[in-house]
Amino acid sequence: MPGDLNTIDLKPKLISRKNLADRWEISVQTVIVYEAEGIITRVPSLPTPRYKIAEIEKIEGIEENPLSPIERRRLEKENKDLRDQLSFVNKLISNISLQCTSYSK
């Protein structure tokens, strides 16, 4: 039933710039920078800056990358080397296969 108190969501849908700064323990200016960089999106239809709680909670749910930058580069290089090796082996197998078919004729 519409208007039933049991079905009304009392959780706020929007958060102010100041409350977001307090929540993240950063300055209001940093929130403005995050907005300018596209990290967070301001609700455009309101005259005062407000942000969707759902978007903020989604951002807060991001886990930090467990790899250090050095470890990430090492793994990326290893991945590239393995792909190159695989490509070489596939070409080698293809050449051997072609040679075998030409001998069988």
N, C-alpha and C. Protein backbone atom coordinates (compact mmCIF):
# COMPACT_ATOMS: atom_id res chain seq x y z
N MET A 1 0.85 -1.18 0.00
CA MET A 1 0.00 0.00 0.00
C MET A 1 0.89 1.24 0.00
N PRO A 2 0.70 2.19 -0.93
CA PRO A 2 1.51 3.40 -0.98
C PRO A 2 1.34 4.23 0.29
N GLY A 3 2.44 4.78 0.78
CA GLY A 3 2.39 5.61 1.97
C GLY A 3 2.47 4.82 3.26
N ASP A 4 2.49 3.51 3.18
CA ASP A 4 2.60 2.67 4.35
C ASP A 4 3.97 2.87 4.97
N LEU A 5 4.02 3.15 6.27
CA LEU A 5 5.29 3.41 6.94
C LEU A 5 6.24 2.22 6.88
N ASN A 6 5.71 1.02 6.76
CA ASN A 6 6.57 -0.16 6.70
C ASN A 6 7.32 -0.27 5.38
N THR A 7 6.87 0.41 4.34
CA THR A 7 7.51 0.30 3.04
C THR A 7 8.32 1.54 2.66
N ILE A 8 8.29 2.57 3.49
CA ILE A 8 9.02 3.80 3.18
C ILE A 8 10.50 3.61 3.50
N ASP A 9 11.34 3.94 2.52
CA ASP A 9 12.79 3.86 2.70
C ASP A 9 13.26 5.17 3.32
N LEU A 10 13.70 5.12 4.57
CA LEU A 10 14.11 6.32 5.28
C LEU A 10 15.58 6.66 5.05
N LYS A 11 16.29 5.82 4.35
CA LYS A 11 17.70 6.06 4.08
C LYS A 11 17.82 7.21 3.07
N PRO A 12 18.66 8.20 3.37
CA PRO A 12 18.80 9.32 2.42
C PRO A 12 19.39 8.85 1.08
N LYS A 13 18.97 9.48 0.02
CA LYS A 13 19.42 9.13 -1.33
C LYS A 13 20.59 10.00 -1.78
N LEU A 14 20.73 11.18 -1.15
CA LEU A 14 21.76 12.13 -1.55
C LEU A 14 22.59 12.55 -0.34
N ILE A 15 23.80 13.01 -0.63
CA ILE A 15 24.68 13.51 0.43
C ILE A 15 25.28 14.83 -0.03
N SER A 16 25.43 15.76 0.91
CA SER A 16 25.98 17.07 0.57
C SER A 16 27.50 16.98 0.42
N ARG A 17 28.05 18.01 -0.18
CA ARG A 17 29.50 18.06 -0.38
C ARG A 17 30.23 18.03 0.97
N LYS A 18 29.74 18.82 1.93
CA LYS A 18 30.38 18.87 3.25
C LYS A 18 30.27 17.53 3.97
N ASN A 19 29.08 16.92 3.93
CA ASN A 19 28.91 15.63 4.59
C ASN A 19 29.77 14.54 3.94
N LEU A 20 29.93 14.63 2.62
CA LEU A 20 30.80 13.67 1.94
C LEU A 20 32.25 13.87 2.37
N ALA A 21 32.66 15.13 2.46
CA ALA A 21 34.02 15.43 2.91
C ALA A 21 34.24 14.88 4.33
N ASP A 22 33.27 15.08 5.20
CA ASP A 22 33.36 14.55 6.56
C ASP A 22 33.39 13.03 6.55
N ARG A 23 32.57 12.43 5.75
CA ARG A 23 32.48 10.96 5.67
C ARG A 23 33.81 10.36 5.22
N TRP A 24 34.45 11.00 4.25
CA TRP A 24 35.71 10.48 3.71
C TRP A 24 36.94 11.06 4.42
N GLU A 25 36.69 11.95 5.38
CA GLU A 25 37.77 12.59 6.14
C GLU A 25 38.75 13.31 5.20
N ILE A 26 38.18 14.09 4.30
CA ILE A 26 38.96 14.90 3.36
C ILE A 26 38.40 16.31 3.38
N SER A 27 39.08 17.22 2.72
CA SER A 27 38.58 18.60 2.66
C SER A 27 37.48 18.72 1.61
N VAL A 28 36.68 19.77 1.75
CA VAL A 28 35.64 20.05 0.77
C VAL A 28 36.30 20.31 -0.59
N GLN A 29 37.47 20.97 -0.58
CA GLN A 29 38.18 21.25 -1.82
C GLN A 29 38.56 19.95 -2.53
N THR A 30 38.93 18.92 -1.79
CA THR A 30 39.27 17.63 -2.40
C THR A 30 38.04 17.01 -3.05
N VAL A 31 36.89 17.16 -2.43
CA VAL A 31 35.64 16.67 -3.03
C VAL A 31 35.40 17.39 -4.36
N ILE A 32 35.65 18.69 -4.39
CA ILE A 32 35.49 19.46 -5.62
C ILE A 32 36.45 18.96 -6.69
N VAL A 33 37.68 18.65 -6.30
CA VAL A 33 38.67 18.11 -7.25
C VAL A 33 38.21 16.76 -7.77
N TYR A 34 37.71 15.89 -6.88
CA TYR A 34 37.20 14.57 -7.31
C TYR A 34 36.07 14.74 -8.32
N GLU A 35 35.22 15.73 -8.08
CA GLU A 35 34.12 15.99 -9.01
C GLU A 35 34.67 16.45 -10.36
N ALA A 36 35.64 17.36 -10.34
CA ALA A 36 36.23 17.88 -11.58
C ALA A 36 36.94 16.77 -12.37
N GLU A 37 37.53 15.81 -11.65
CA GLU A 37 38.25 14.70 -12.30
C GLU A 37 37.31 13.58 -12.74
N GLY A 38 36.04 13.69 -12.39
CA GLY A 38 35.07 12.67 -12.80
C GLY A 38 35.03 11.46 -11.89
N ILE A 39 35.68 11.53 -10.74
CA ILE A 39 35.67 10.41 -9.80
C ILE A 39 34.29 10.26 -9.18
N ILE A 40 33.67 11.40 -8.88
CA ILE A 40 32.30 11.40 -8.38
C ILE A 40 31.47 12.30 -9.29
N THR A 41 30.17 12.06 -9.29
CA THR A 41 29.27 12.81 -10.17
C THR A 41 28.25 13.57 -9.33
N ARG A 42 28.20 14.86 -9.56
CA ARG A 42 27.23 15.72 -8.87
C ARG A 42 25.87 15.56 -9.53
N VAL A 43 24.81 15.59 -8.73
CA VAL A 43 23.45 15.55 -9.28
C VAL A 43 23.21 16.91 -9.95
N PRO A 44 23.05 16.93 -11.27
CA PRO A 44 23.02 18.20 -11.99
C PRO A 44 21.76 19.04 -11.80
N SER A 45 20.67 18.44 -11.40
CA SER A 45 19.40 19.17 -11.35
C SER A 45 19.21 19.97 -10.06
N LEU A 46 20.17 19.93 -9.16
CA LEU A 46 20.04 20.64 -7.89
C LEU A 46 20.97 21.85 -7.84
N PRO A 47 20.51 22.95 -7.21
CA PRO A 47 21.34 24.15 -7.16
C PRO A 47 22.55 24.01 -6.22
N THR A 48 22.40 23.20 -5.17
CA THR A 48 23.52 22.98 -4.26
C THR A 48 24.13 21.61 -4.54
N PRO A 49 25.43 21.49 -4.39
CA PRO A 49 26.09 20.22 -4.71
C PRO A 49 25.59 19.06 -3.85
N ARG A 50 25.10 18.03 -4.52
CA ARG A 50 24.66 16.80 -3.86
C ARG A 50 25.15 15.63 -4.70
N TYR A 51 25.40 14.51 -4.02
CA TYR A 51 25.91 13.30 -4.69
C TYR A 51 25.04 12.12 -4.28
N LYS A 52 24.88 11.18 -5.19
CA LYS A 52 24.04 10.01 -4.91
C LYS A 52 24.77 9.09 -3.94
N ILE A 53 24.07 8.73 -2.88
CA ILE A 53 24.62 7.82 -1.87
C ILE A 53 25.02 6.49 -2.53
N ALA A 54 24.21 6.00 -3.46
CA ALA A 54 24.50 4.72 -4.11
C ALA A 54 25.85 4.77 -4.81
N GLU A 55 26.15 5.88 -5.49
CA GLU A 55 27.44 6.02 -6.17
C GLU A 55 28.58 6.07 -5.16
N ILE A 56 28.38 6.80 -4.08
CA ILE A 56 29.41 6.93 -3.04
C ILE A 56 29.69 5.56 -2.42
N GLU A 57 28.63 4.81 -2.11
CA GLU A 57 28.82 3.48 -1.52
C GLU A 57 29.51 2.53 -2.49
N LYS A 58 29.23 2.69 -3.77
CA LYS A 58 29.90 1.86 -4.78
C LYS A 58 31.40 2.17 -4.80
N ILE A 59 31.74 3.46 -4.75
CA ILE A 59 33.15 3.86 -4.72
C ILE A 59 33.82 3.33 -3.46
N GLU A 60 33.14 3.42 -2.35
CA GLU A 60 33.71 2.96 -1.08
C GLU A 60 33.93 1.45 -1.07
N GLY A 61 33.19 0.74 -1.89
CA GLY A 61 33.32 -0.71 -1.94
C GLY A 61 34.50 -1.20 -2.76
N ILE A 62 35.19 -0.28 -3.44
CA ILE A 62 36.34 -0.67 -4.26
C ILE A 62 37.46 -1.13 -3.34
N GLU A 63 37.98 -2.31 -3.65
CA GLU A 63 39.10 -2.83 -2.87
C GLU A 63 40.40 -2.31 -3.47
N GLU A 64 41.35 -2.05 -2.60
CA GLU A 64 42.65 -1.60 -3.09
C GLU A 64 43.34 -2.74 -3.80
N ASN A 65 44.13 -2.39 -4.78
CA ASN A 65 44.88 -3.39 -5.53
C ASN A 65 45.97 -3.95 -4.62
N PRO A 66 46.00 -5.27 -4.41
CA PRO A 66 46.98 -5.85 -3.51
C PRO A 66 48.40 -5.87 -4.08
N LEU A 67 48.55 -5.64 -5.39
CA LEU A 67 49.87 -5.68 -6.00
C LEU A 67 50.56 -4.33 -5.91
N SER A 68 51.85 -4.38 -5.61
CA SER A 68 52.64 -3.16 -5.67
C SER A 68 52.87 -2.82 -7.13
N PRO A 69 53.18 -1.57 -7.45
CA PRO A 69 53.45 -1.21 -8.85
C PRO A 69 54.59 -2.03 -9.46
N ILE A 70 55.60 -2.33 -8.68
CA ILE A 70 56.73 -3.13 -9.18
C ILE A 70 56.27 -4.55 -9.50
N GLU A 71 55.51 -5.14 -8.59
CA GLU A 71 55.00 -6.50 -8.81
C GLU A 71 54.07 -6.54 -10.01
N ARG A 72 53.25 -5.52 -10.17
CA ARG A 72 52.34 -5.46 -11.32
C ARG A 72 53.14 -5.42 -12.62
N ARG A 73 54.17 -4.57 -12.69
CA ARG A 73 55.00 -4.49 -13.91
C ARG A 73 55.68 -5.83 -14.19
N ARG A 74 56.18 -6.47 -13.13
CA ARG A 74 56.84 -7.77 -13.30
C ARG A 74 55.87 -8.79 -13.89
N LEU A 75 54.66 -8.83 -13.34
CA LEU A 75 53.67 -9.79 -13.83
C LEU A 75 53.22 -9.46 -15.25
N GLU A 76 53.09 -8.17 -15.56
CA GLU A 76 52.72 -7.79 -16.92
C GLU A 76 53.80 -8.19 -17.92
N LYS A 77 55.07 -8.02 -17.54
CA LYS A 77 56.18 -8.42 -18.42
C LYS A 77 56.19 -9.94 -18.59
N GLU A 78 56.00 -10.65 -17.49
CA GLU A 78 55.97 -12.11 -17.56
C GLU A 78 54.82 -12.57 -18.46
N ASN A 79 53.68 -11.92 -18.33
CA ASN A 79 52.52 -12.26 -19.17
C ASN A 79 52.84 -12.04 -20.64
N LYS A 80 53.47 -10.91 -20.97
CA LYS A 80 53.83 -10.62 -22.36
C LYS A 80 54.84 -11.65 -22.87
N ASP A 81 55.84 -11.97 -22.06
CA ASP A 81 56.84 -12.96 -22.47
C ASP A 81 56.19 -14.32 -22.75
N LEU A 82 55.27 -14.72 -21.91
CA LEU A 82 54.59 -16.00 -22.10
C LEU A 82 53.72 -15.99 -23.35
N ARG A 83 53.07 -14.87 -23.61
CA ARG A 83 52.27 -14.76 -24.84
C ARG A 83 53.16 -14.84 -26.08
N ASP A 84 54.32 -14.18 -26.01
CA ASP A 84 55.27 -14.25 -27.13
C ASP A 84 55.76 -15.68 -27.34
N GLN A 85 56.06 -16.38 -26.25
CA GLN A 85 56.50 -17.78 -26.35
C GLN A 85 55.40 -18.64 -26.96
N LEU A 86 54.18 -18.43 -26.53
CA LEU A 86 53.05 -19.20 -27.05
C LEU A 86 52.89 -18.95 -28.54
N SER A 87 53.02 -17.72 -28.95
CA SER A 87 52.91 -17.39 -30.37
C SER A 87 54.01 -18.10 -31.16
N PHE A 88 55.23 -18.10 -30.65
CA PHE A 88 56.35 -18.77 -31.31
C PHE A 88 56.09 -20.27 -31.43
N VAL A 89 55.64 -20.89 -30.35
CA VAL A 89 55.37 -22.34 -30.36
C VAL A 89 54.24 -22.66 -31.34
N ASN A 90 53.21 -21.83 -31.37
CA ASN A 90 52.11 -22.07 -32.32
C ASN A 90 52.59 -21.98 -33.76
N LYS A 91 53.45 -21.02 -34.07
CA LYS A 91 54.01 -20.92 -35.42
C LYS A 91 54.88 -22.13 -35.74
N LEU A 92 55.65 -22.57 -34.78
CA LEU A 92 56.51 -23.75 -34.96
C LEU A 92 55.66 -24.99 -35.24
N ILE A 93 54.62 -25.18 -34.48
CA ILE A 93 53.72 -26.32 -34.69
C ILE A 93 53.07 -26.24 -36.06
N SER A 94 52.67 -25.06 -36.45
CA SER A 94 52.05 -24.87 -37.77
C SER A 94 53.04 -25.23 -38.88
N ASN A 95 54.29 -24.80 -38.76
CA ASN A 95 55.31 -25.13 -39.76
C ASN A 95 55.58 -26.63 -39.81
N ILE A 96 55.67 -27.27 -38.66
CA ILE A 96 55.90 -28.72 -38.62
C ILE A 96 54.73 -29.44 -39.25
N SER A 97 53.53 -28.99 -38.94
CA SER A 97 52.33 -29.60 -39.51
C SER A 97 52.32 -29.49 -41.03
N LEU A 98 52.72 -28.34 -41.56
CA LEU A 98 52.79 -28.15 -43.01
C LEU A 98 53.83 -29.07 -43.64
N GLN A 99 54.96 -29.23 -42.97
CA GLN A 99 56.01 -30.10 -43.49
C GLN A 99 55.56 -31.56 -43.49
N CYS A 100 54.86 -31.95 -42.45
CA CYS A 100 54.37 -33.34 -42.37
C CYS A 100 53.36 -33.63 -43.48
N THR A 101 52.50 -32.68 -43.76
CA THR A 101 51.50 -32.90 -44.81
C THR A 101 52.15 -32.93 -46.19
N SER A 102 53.21 -32.17 -46.38
CA SER A 102 53.88 -32.19 -47.69
C SER A 102 54.65 -33.49 -47.90
N TYR A 103 55.16 -34.13 -46.85
CA TYR A 103 55.87 -35.40 -46.96
C TYR A 103 54.91 -36.57 -47.18
N SER A 104 53.70 -36.43 -46.66
CA SER A 104 52.76 -37.54 -46.78
C SER A 104 52.14 -37.64 -48.16
N LYS A 105 52.36 -36.66 -49.01
CA LYS A 105 51.77 -36.69 -50.36
C LYS A 105 52.57 -37.50 -51.31
